[in-house]
């Protein structure tokens, strides 16, 4: 898989997850945790058929609903497929709002650990005693896309990845608002459900049309007076070897906890680990 469209589409989380998939085979059939938060899914209109031409709305002030928190602890399952590759593994995520994201992949023993901060991403491959380090500034210049910690955090929790700006075009299509944004050579369409103003779909495509990404958010749970997407499905189409390669990443949040105190962010590069 090309790192160019990995970065372009699902931000730096894809770098972490797909690197771990390729370096180690992780398989596990996960049963639903009986201690999961028991909540009722909130219905959000699913009709976002772009065959109907959106109608521009003059001077409409749309403020998408966002999740606010101090700390989050999330237990998730990731299903990943690309070409002949297919992987499934659990991940635990700790988030301190606007500061850092800690990730751990473990099936029995911990196989991988990652830390995302405002400046960088570090990933430990414990099975091969190696580590990978990226910084947002370099990646942004390399891929001509403004990559940031905020982008990663927003994708994980279902907030709009790039906050609405004054110059963004707002359109109306049936029960949805569509907020259209331009980020360098990438055009982004955010589908916002009109009844509750939650992001339910995002489509991003580069100017050439050769790479395209769609993220669907569904099964919204009412937790702490917020609507939190339990299911996040990313579909990525990008050129590879003169063909279009499709990558699917299905992130299923099985347990979501809002916390007032830190869940822990222990991270260090062990002695003897080699950079990659």
Foldseek 3Di string as FASTA:
>chain_A
DDVLVLCVALHCVSVQPVVLVVVDADADDDDFDPPFDDFAFDDFDDPPPVVDPWAFDPPDDAAADDDDAQKKKFKKKKWKDWDPDTHIFIKIWIDGPQAKIKIWTDDPHTQKIWIDGFFKIKIAGVVQLAIEIDTQVVSCVVNVFRGGPQLNVCLQWQHDSDGDDPPWTWTDDVQWIWTWDDTGQKIKIFTAGNVRNTTAKMKIAGNVRQKIKMKGFGRWGCDPNDTTGQKIKMWIWHDDPNDTMIMIMIMGTSHMDRDPDGPDRDDDRDPPRHYD
